Amino acid sequence: MHASTLPSSNTYAGERIGKPTDTIASPDIWTDFSDFYRRAAFAAKTADEIRRAPDEDEVKRLHRALGIACDTCHSLYLKE
């Protein structure tokens, strides 16, 4: 894909990447968007399950699962 035809994504206004208009998303997100979307949907579902967890043990279990889901997705789809 030519850069001008890439979908937009959130930008990072800090010093880490460069000018404020740079995206923090890896270009890989657009080559396998279905995987990214699946992972994001799973994380959202897990977060919703935390909200409805019946006890503290379940909250802890789901919180660990959400952390793993977020870390995995970030390792795949954020610029290094």
PDB file of N, CA and C in Angstrom:
ATOM      1  N   MET A   1       0.831  -1.184   0.000  1.00  0.00           N
ATOM      2  CA  MET A   1       0.000   0.000   0.000  1.00  0.00           C
ATOM      3  C   MET A   1       0.875   1.247   0.000  1.00  0.00           C
ATOM      4  N   HIS A   2       0.504   2.208  -0.764  1.00  0.00           N
ATOM      5  CA  HIS A   2       1.182   3.498  -0.743  1.00  0.00           C
ATOM      6  C   HIS A   2       0.806   4.225   0.545  1.00  0.00           C
ATOM      7  N   ALA A   3       1.738   4.969   1.118  1.00  0.00           N
ATOM      8  CA  ALA A   3       1.512   5.635   2.405  1.00  0.00           C
ATOM      9  C   ALA A   3       0.244   6.490   2.404  1.00  0.00           C
ATOM     10  N   SER A   4      -0.072   7.116   1.292  1.00  0.00           N
ATOM     11  CA  SER A   4      -1.245   7.987   1.273  1.00  0.00           C
ATOM     12  C   SER A   4      -2.558   7.206   1.279  1.00  0.00           C
ATOM     13  N   THR A   5      -2.503   5.891   1.039  1.00  0.00           N
ATOM     14  CA  THR A   5      -3.724   5.093   1.042  1.00  0.00           C
ATOM     15  C   THR A   5      -3.875   4.273   2.319  1.00  0.00           C
ATOM     16  N   LEU A   6      -2.915   4.385   3.254  1.00  0.00           N
ATOM     17  CA  LEU A   6      -3.026   3.644   4.500  1.00  0.00           C
ATOM     18  C   LEU A   6      -4.123   4.229   5.370  1.00  0.00           C
ATOM     19  N   PRO A   7      -4.854   3.383   6.062  1.00  0.00           N
ATOM     20  CA  PRO A   7      -5.840   3.896   7.007  1.00  0.00           C
ATOM     21  C   PRO A   7      -5.138   4.720   8.086  1.00  0.00           C
ATOM     22  N   SER A   8      -5.839   5.631   8.675  1.00  0.00           N
ATOM     23  CA  SER A   8      -5.225   6.450   9.721  1.00  0.00           C
ATOM     24  C   SER A   8      -5.239   5.692  11.040  1.00  0.00           C
ATOM     25  N   SER A   9      -4.374   6.106  11.931  1.00  0.00           N
ATOM     26  CA  SER A   9      -4.356   5.542  13.274  1.00  0.00           C
ATOM     27  C   SER A   9      -3.990   6.646  14.242  1.00  0.00           C
ATOM     28  N   ASN A  10      -4.095   6.355  15.522  1.00  0.00           N
ATOM     29  CA  ASN A  10      -3.760   7.357  16.528  1.00  0.00           C
ATOM     30  C   ASN A  10      -2.323   7.810  16.361  1.00  0.00           C
ATOM     31  N   THR A  11      -2.056   9.032  16.747  1.00  0.00           N
ATOM     32  CA  THR A  11      -0.702   9.547  16.669  1.00  0.00           C
ATOM     33  C   THR A  11      -0.126   9.729  18.057  1.00  0.00           C
ATOM     34  N   TYR A  12       1.153   9.824  18.100  1.00  0.00           N
ATOM     35  CA  TYR A  12       1.886   9.983  19.346  1.00  0.00           C
ATOM     36  C   TYR A  12       2.547  11.343  19.318  1.00  0.00           C
ATOM     37  N   ALA A  13       2.295  12.180  20.294  1.00  0.00           N
ATOM     38  CA  ALA A  13       2.797  13.549  20.281  1.00  0.00           C
ATOM     39  C   ALA A  13       4.101  13.700  21.058  1.00  0.00           C
ATOM     40  N   GLY A  14       4.745  12.610  21.401  1.00  0.00           N
ATOM     41  CA  GLY A  14       5.957  12.674  22.204  1.00  0.00           C
ATOM     42  C   GLY A  14       7.225  12.657  21.375  1.00  0.00           C
ATOM     43  N   GLU A  15       8.322  12.581  22.056  1.00  0.00           N
ATOM     44  CA  GLU A  15       9.636  12.614  21.435  1.00  0.00           C
ATOM     45  C   GLU A  15      10.088  11.238  20.953  1.00  0.00           C
ATOM     46  N   ARG A  16       9.496  10.203  21.448  1.00  0.00           N
ATOM     47  CA  ARG A  16       9.966   8.836  21.242  1.00  0.00           C
ATOM     48  C   ARG A  16      10.083   8.451  19.781  1.00  0.00           C
ATOM     49  N   ILE A  17       9.157   8.839  18.960  1.00  0.00           N
ATOM     50  CA  ILE A  17       9.146   8.380  17.579  1.00  0.00           C
ATOM     51  C   ILE A  17       9.617   9.465  16.620  1.00  0.00           C
ATOM     52  N   GLY A  18       9.319  10.687  16.889  1.00  0.00           N
ATOM     53  CA  GLY A  18       9.694  11.744  15.969  1.00  0.00           C
ATOM     54  C   GLY A  18       8.666  12.839  15.968  1.00  0.00           C
ATOM     55  N   LYS A  19       8.372  13.326  14.804  1.00  0.00           N
ATOM     56  CA  LYS A  19       7.415  14.431  14.704  1.00  0.00           C
ATOM     57  C   LYS A  19       6.028  14.001  15.192  1.00  0.00           C
ATOM     58  N   PRO A  20       5.246  14.912  15.715  1.00  0.00           N
ATOM     59  CA  PRO A  20       3.960  14.570  16.326  1.00  0.00           C
ATOM     60  C   PRO A  20       2.962  13.880  15.402  1.00  0.00           C
ATOM     61  N   THR A  21       3.149  13.943  14.109  1.00  0.00           N
ATOM     62  CA  THR A  21       2.191  13.311  13.211  1.00  0.00           C
ATOM     63  C   THR A  21       2.507  11.845  12.957  1.00  0.00           C
ATOM     64  N   ASP A  22       3.628  11.337  13.479  1.00  0.00           N
ATOM     65  CA  ASP A  22       3.946   9.922  13.323  1.00  0.00           C
ATOM     66  C   ASP A  22       2.933   9.071  14.078  1.00  0.00           C
ATOM     67  N   THR A  23       2.636   7.918  13.533  1.00  0.00           N
ATOM     68  CA  THR A  23       1.748   6.987  14.219  1.00  0.00           C
ATOM     69  C   THR A  23       2.570   6.058  15.097  1.00  0.00           C
ATOM     70  N   ILE A  24       1.962   5.569  16.161  1.00  0.00           N
ATOM     71  CA  ILE A  24       2.648   4.587  16.998  1.00  0.00           C
ATOM     72  C   ILE A  24       2.346   3.167  16.531  1.00  0.00           C
ATOM     73  N   ALA A  25       1.453   3.047  15.565  1.00  0.00           N
ATOM     74  CA  ALA A  25       1.093   1.727  15.040  1.00  0.00           C
ATOM     75  C   ALA A  25       2.148   1.245  14.055  1.00  0.00           C
ATOM     76  N   SER A  26       2.473  -0.027  14.146  1.00  0.00           N
ATOM     77  CA  SER A  26       3.349  -0.646  13.163  1.00  0.00           C
ATOM     78  C   SER A  26       2.588  -0.772  11.845  1.00  0.00           C
ATOM     79  N   PRO A  27       3.272  -0.653  10.715  1.00  0.00           N
ATOM     80  CA  PRO A  27       2.597  -0.869   9.431  1.00  0.00           C
ATOM     81  C   PRO A  27       2.002  -2.275   9.319  1.00  0.00           C
ATOM     82  N   ASP A  28       2.512  -3.210  10.138  1.00  0.00           N
ATOM     83  CA  ASP A  28       1.996  -4.585  10.120  1.00  0.00           C
ATOM     84  C   ASP A  28       0.515  -4.664  10.469  1.00  0.00           C
ATOM     85  N   ILE A  29       0.029  -3.676  11.198  1.00  0.00           N
ATOM     86  CA  ILE A  29      -1.387  -3.690  11.582  1.00  0.00           C
ATOM     87  C   ILE A  29      -2.288  -3.699  10.352  1.00  0.00           C
ATOM     88  N   TRP A  30      -1.847  -3.051   9.284  1.00  0.00           N
ATOM     89  CA  TRP A  30      -2.676  -2.947   8.093  1.00  0.00           C
ATOM     90  C   TRP A  30      -2.527  -4.155   7.174  1.00  0.00           C
ATOM     91  N   THR A  31      -1.450  -4.921   7.338  1.00  0.00           N
ATOM     92  CA  THR A  31      -1.285  -6.111   6.498  1.00  0.00           C
ATOM     93  C   THR A  31      -2.005  -7.314   7.094  1.00  0.00           C
ATOM     94  N   ASP A  32      -2.313  -7.244   8.394  1.00  0.00           N
ATOM     95  CA  ASP A  32      -3.054  -8.334   9.035  1.00  0.00           C
ATOM     96  C   ASP A  32      -4.102  -7.744   9.967  1.00  0.00           C
ATOM     97  N   PHE A  33      -4.931  -6.864   9.426  1.00  0.00           N
ATOM     98  CA  PHE A  33      -5.907  -6.161  10.241  1.00  0.00           C
ATOM     99  C   PHE A  33      -6.907  -7.114  10.896  1.00  0.00           C
ATOM    100  N   SER A  34      -7.226  -8.209  10.241  1.00  0.00           N
ATOM    101  CA  SER A  34      -8.196  -9.146  10.830  1.00  0.00           C
ATOM    102  C   SER A  34      -7.652  -9.733  12.132  1.00  0.00           C
ATOM    103  N   ASP A  35      -6.345 -10.003  12.196  1.00  0.00           N
ATOM    104  CA  ASP A  35      -5.747 -10.496  13.441  1.00  0.00           C
ATOM    105  C   ASP A  35      -5.783  -9.415  14.513  1.00  0.00           C
ATOM    106  N   PHE A  36      -5.399  -8.196  14.141  1.00  0.00           N
ATOM    107  CA  PHE A  36      -5.449  -7.091  15.092  1.00  0.00           C
ATOM    108  C   PHE A  36      -6.870  -6.906  15.629  1.00  0.00           C
ATOM    109  N   TYR A  37      -7.844  -6.918  14.745  1.00  0.00           N
ATOM    110  CA  TYR A  37      -9.233  -6.712  15.145  1.00  0.00           C
ATOM    111  C   TYR A  37      -9.712  -7.840  16.071  1.00  0.00           C
ATOM    112  N   ARG A  38      -9.339  -9.060  15.747  1.00  0.00           N
ATOM    113  CA  ARG A  38      -9.702 -10.209  16.592  1.00  0.00           C
ATOM    114  C   ARG A  38      -9.108 -10.042  17.989  1.00  0.00           C
ATOM    115  N   ARG A  39      -7.853  -9.640  18.054  1.00  0.00           N
ATOM    116  CA  ARG A  39      -7.196  -9.446  19.354  1.00  0.00           C
ATOM    117  C   ARG A  39      -7.843  -8.304  20.140  1.00  0.00           C
ATOM    118  N   ALA A  40      -8.171  -7.218  19.469  1.00  0.00           N
ATOM    119  CA  ALA A  40      -8.819  -6.085  20.133  1.00  0.00           C
ATOM    120  C   ALA A  40     -10.201  -6.478  20.660  1.00  0.00           C
ATOM    121  N   ALA A  41     -10.935  -7.245  19.881  1.00  0.00           N
ATOM    122  CA  ALA A  41     -12.270  -7.693  20.313  1.00  0.00           C
ATOM    123  C   ALA A  41     -12.160  -8.610  21.526  1.00  0.00           C
ATOM    124  N   PHE A  42     -11.165  -9.497  21.529  1.00  0.00           N
ATOM    125  CA  PHE A  42     -10.959 -10.385  22.675  1.00  0.00           C
ATOM    126  C   PHE A  42     -10.638  -9.565  23.924  1.00  0.00           C
ATOM    127  N   ALA A  43      -9.766  -8.567  23.791  1.00  0.00           N
ATOM    128  CA  ALA A  43      -9.408  -7.731  24.936  1.00  0.00           C
ATOM    129  C   ALA A  43     -10.626  -6.973  25.457  1.00  0.00           C
ATOM    130  N   ALA A  44     -11.436  -6.450  24.568  1.00  0.00           N
ATOM    131  CA  ALA A  44     -12.645  -5.730  24.975  1.00  0.00           C
ATOM    132  C   ALA A  44     -13.619  -6.661  25.690  1.00  0.00           C
ATOM    133  N   LYS A  45     -13.756  -7.865  25.185  1.00  0.00           N
ATOM    134  CA  LYS A  45     -14.649  -8.849  25.818  1.00  0.00           C
ATOM    135  C   LYS A  45     -14.140  -9.206  27.209  1.00  0.00           C
ATOM    136  N   THR A  46     -12.834  -9.396  27.337  1.00  0.00           N
ATOM    137  CA  THR A  46     -12.241  -9.730  28.632  1.00  0.00           C
ATOM    138  C   THR A  46     -12.429  -8.586  29.620  1.00  0.00           C
ATOM    139  N   ALA A  47     -12.241  -7.353  29.174  1.00  0.00           N
ATOM    140  CA  ALA A  47     -12.453  -6.189  30.041  1.00  0.00           C
ATOM    141  C   ALA A  47     -13.911  -6.131  30.519  1.00  0.00           C
ATOM    142  N   ASP A  48     -14.835  -6.436  29.638  1.00  0.00           N
ATOM    143  CA  ASP A  48     -16.244  -6.454  30.021  1.00  0.00           C
ATOM    144  C   ASP A  48     -16.523  -7.568  31.029  1.00  0.00           C
ATOM    145  N   GLU A  49     -15.865  -8.697  30.861  1.00  0.00           N
ATOM    146  CA  GLU A  49     -16.040  -9.800  31.811  1.00  0.00           C
ATOM    147  C   GLU A  49     -15.512  -9.418  33.195  1.00  0.00           C
ATOM    148  N   ILE A  50     -14.431  -8.640  33.241  1.00  0.00           N
ATOM    149  CA  ILE A  50     -13.911  -8.169  34.532  1.00  0.00           C
ATOM    150  C   ILE A  50     -14.979  -7.359  35.252  1.00  0.00           C
ATOM    151  N   ARG A  51     -15.653  -6.523  34.507  1.00  0.00           N
ATOM    152  CA  ARG A  51     -16.692  -5.678  35.080  1.00  0.00           C
ATOM    153  C   ARG A  51     -17.787  -6.505  35.750  1.00  0.00           C
ATOM    154  N   ARG A  52     -18.039  -7.692  35.218  1.00  0.00           N
ATOM    155  CA  ARG A  52     -19.129  -8.520  35.732  1.00  0.00           C
ATOM    156  C   ARG A  52     -18.649  -9.714  36.557  1.00  0.00           C
ATOM    157  N   ALA A  53     -17.373  -9.750  36.889  1.00  0.00           N
ATOM    158  CA  ALA A  53     -16.818 -10.897  37.630  1.00  0.00           C
ATOM    159  C   ALA A  53     -17.499 -11.060  38.984  1.00  0.00           C
ATOM    160  N   PRO A  54     -17.792 -12.308  39.351  1.00  0.00           N
ATOM    161  CA  PRO A  54     -18.541 -12.542  40.583  1.00  0.00           C
ATOM    162  C   PRO A  54     -17.698 -12.445  41.864  1.00  0.00           C
ATOM    163  N   ASP A  55     -16.368 -12.556  41.732  1.00  0.00           N
ATOM    164  CA  ASP A  55     -15.547 -12.514  42.940  1.00  0.00           C
ATOM    165  C   ASP A  55     -14.124 -12.055  42.612  1.00  0.00           C
ATOM    166  N   GLU A  56     -13.362 -11.822  43.661  1.00  0.00           N
ATOM    167  CA  GLU A  56     -12.010 -11.279  43.506  1.00  0.00           C
ATOM    168  C   GLU A  56     -11.088 -12.233  42.742  1.00  0.00           C
ATOM    169  N   ASP A  57     -11.220 -13.516  42.969  1.00  0.00           N
ATOM    170  CA  ASP A  57     -10.374 -14.477  42.251  1.00  0.00           C
ATOM    171  C   ASP A  57     -10.604 -14.411  40.741  1.00  0.00           C
ATOM    172  N   GLU A  58     -11.848 -14.264  40.350  1.00  0.00           N
ATOM    173  CA  GLU A  58     -12.165 -14.157  38.918  1.00  0.00           C
ATOM    174  C   GLU A  58     -11.644 -12.840  38.337  1.00  0.00           C
ATOM    175  N   VAL A  59     -11.735 -11.764  39.100  1.00  0.00           N
ATOM    176  CA  VAL A  59     -11.179 -10.484  38.658  1.00  0.00           C
ATOM    177  C   VAL A  59      -9.680 -10.632  38.420  1.00  0.00           C
ATOM    178  N   LYS A  60      -8.991 -11.268  39.344  1.00  0.00           N
ATOM    179  CA  LYS A  60      -7.541 -11.458  39.204  1.00  0.00           C
ATOM    180  C   LYS A  60      -7.210 -12.307  37.980  1.00  0.00           C
ATOM    181  N   ARG A  61      -7.952 -13.375  37.766  1.00  0.00           N
ATOM    182  CA  ARG A  61      -7.703 -14.251  36.622  1.00  0.00           C
ATOM    183  C   ARG A  61      -7.916 -13.498  35.305  1.00  0.00           C
ATOM    184  N   LEU A  62      -9.014 -12.785  35.231  1.00  0.00           N
ATOM    185  CA  LEU A  62      -9.318 -12.039  34.011  1.00  0.00           C
ATOM    186  C   LEU A  62      -8.345 -10.875  33.803  1.00  0.00           C
ATOM    187  N   HIS A  63      -7.920 -10.258  34.887  1.00  0.00           N
ATOM    188  CA  HIS A  63      -6.947  -9.162  34.778  1.00  0.00           C
ATOM    189  C   HIS A  63      -5.635  -9.672  34.197  1.00  0.00           C
ATOM    190  N   ARG A  64      -5.187 -10.834  34.646  1.00  0.00           N
ATOM    191  CA  ARG A  64      -3.965 -11.434  34.074  1.00  0.00           C
ATOM    192  C   ARG A  64      -4.161 -11.729  32.592  1.00  0.00           C
ATOM    193  N   ALA A  65      -5.318 -12.287  32.235  1.00  0.00           N
ATOM    194  CA  ALA A  65      -5.597 -12.614  30.830  1.00  0.00           C
ATOM    195  C   ALA A  65      -5.621 -11.338  29.977  1.00  0.00           C
ATOM    196  N   LEU A  66      -6.201 -10.273  30.512  1.00  0.00           N
ATOM    197  CA  LEU A  66      -6.245  -9.014  29.770  1.00  0.00           C
ATOM    198  C   LEU A  66      -4.842  -8.443  29.591  1.00  0.00           C
ATOM    199  N   GLY A  67      -4.032  -8.513  30.625  1.00  0.00           N
ATOM    200  CA  GLY A  67      -2.658  -8.032  30.530  1.00  0.00           C
ATOM    201  C   GLY A  67      -1.862  -8.776  29.470  1.00  0.00           C
ATOM    202  N   ILE A  68      -2.023 -10.080  29.431  1.00  0.00           N
ATOM    203  CA  ILE A  68      -1.337 -10.895  28.424  1.00  0.00           C
ATOM    204  C   ILE A  68      -1.833 -10.530  27.028  1.00  0.00           C
ATOM    205  N   ALA A  69      -3.140 -10.371  26.888  1.00  0.00           N
ATOM    206  CA  ALA A  69      -3.711 -10.009  25.585  1.00  0.00           C
ATOM    207  C   ALA A  69      -3.177  -8.653  25.112  1.00  0.00           C
ATOM    208  N   CYS A  70      -3.149  -7.684  26.004  1.00  0.00           N
ATOM    209  CA  CYS A  70      -2.657  -6.345  25.644  1.00  0.00           C
ATOM    210  C   CYS A  70      -1.173  -6.389  25.296  1.00  0.00           C
ATOM    211  N   ASP A  71      -0.381  -7.026  26.142  1.00  0.00           N
ATOM    212  CA  ASP A  71       1.060  -7.090  25.897  1.00  0.00           C
ATOM    213  C   ASP A  71       1.376  -7.787  24.581  1.00  0.00           C
ATOM    214  N   THR A  72       0.659  -8.858  24.280  1.00  0.00           N
ATOM    215  CA  THR A  72       0.902  -9.591  23.031  1.00  0.00           C
ATOM    216  C   THR A  72       0.574  -8.724  21.822  1.00  0.00           C
ATOM    217  N   CYS A  73      -0.569  -8.083  21.857  1.00  0.00           N
ATOM    218  CA  CYS A  73      -0.969  -7.232  20.738  1.00  0.00           C
ATOM    219  C   CYS A  73       0.005  -6.062  20.571  1.00  0.00           C
ATOM    220  N   HIS A  74       0.388  -5.440  21.669  1.00  0.00           N
ATOM    221  CA  HIS A  74       1.335  -4.332  21.593  1.00  0.00           C
ATOM    222  C   HIS A  74       2.680  -4.788  21.042  1.00  0.00           C
ATOM    223  N   SER A  75       3.108  -5.973  21.400  1.00  0.00           N
ATOM    224  CA  SER A  75       4.395  -6.462  20.880  1.00  0.00           C
ATOM    225  C   SER A  75       4.332  -6.699  19.373  1.00  0.00           C
ATOM    226  N   LEU A  76       3.155  -7.013  18.869  1.00  0.00           N
ATOM    227  CA  LEU A  76       2.984  -7.265  17.442  1.00  0.00           C
ATOM    228  C   LEU A  76       2.730  -5.999  16.637  1.00  0.00           C
ATOM    229  N   TYR A  77       1.987  -5.053  17.198  1.00  0.00           N
ATOM    230  CA  TYR A  77       1.456  -3.969  16.388  1.00  0.00           C
ATOM    231  C   TYR A  77       1.824  -2.549  16.815  1.00  0.00           C
ATOM    232  N   LEU A  78       2.810  -2.401  17.694  1.00  0.00           N
ATOM    233  CA  LEU A  78       3.342  -1.074  17.995  1.00  0.00           C
ATOM    234  C   LEU A  78       4.743  -0.963  17.426  1.00  0.00           C
ATOM    235  N   LYS A  79       5.104   0.227  16.992  1.00  0.00           N
ATOM    236  CA  LYS A  79       6.479   0.451  16.526  1.00  0.00           C
ATOM    237  C   LYS A  79       7.431   0.260  17.702  1.00  0.00           C
ATOM    238  N   GLU A  80       8.598  -0.232  17.402  1.00  0.00           N
ATOM    239  CA  GLU A  80       9.607  -0.379  18.449  1.00  0.00           C
ATOM    240  C   GLU A  80      10.443   0.854  18.543  1.00  0.00           C
TER     241      GLU A  80
END
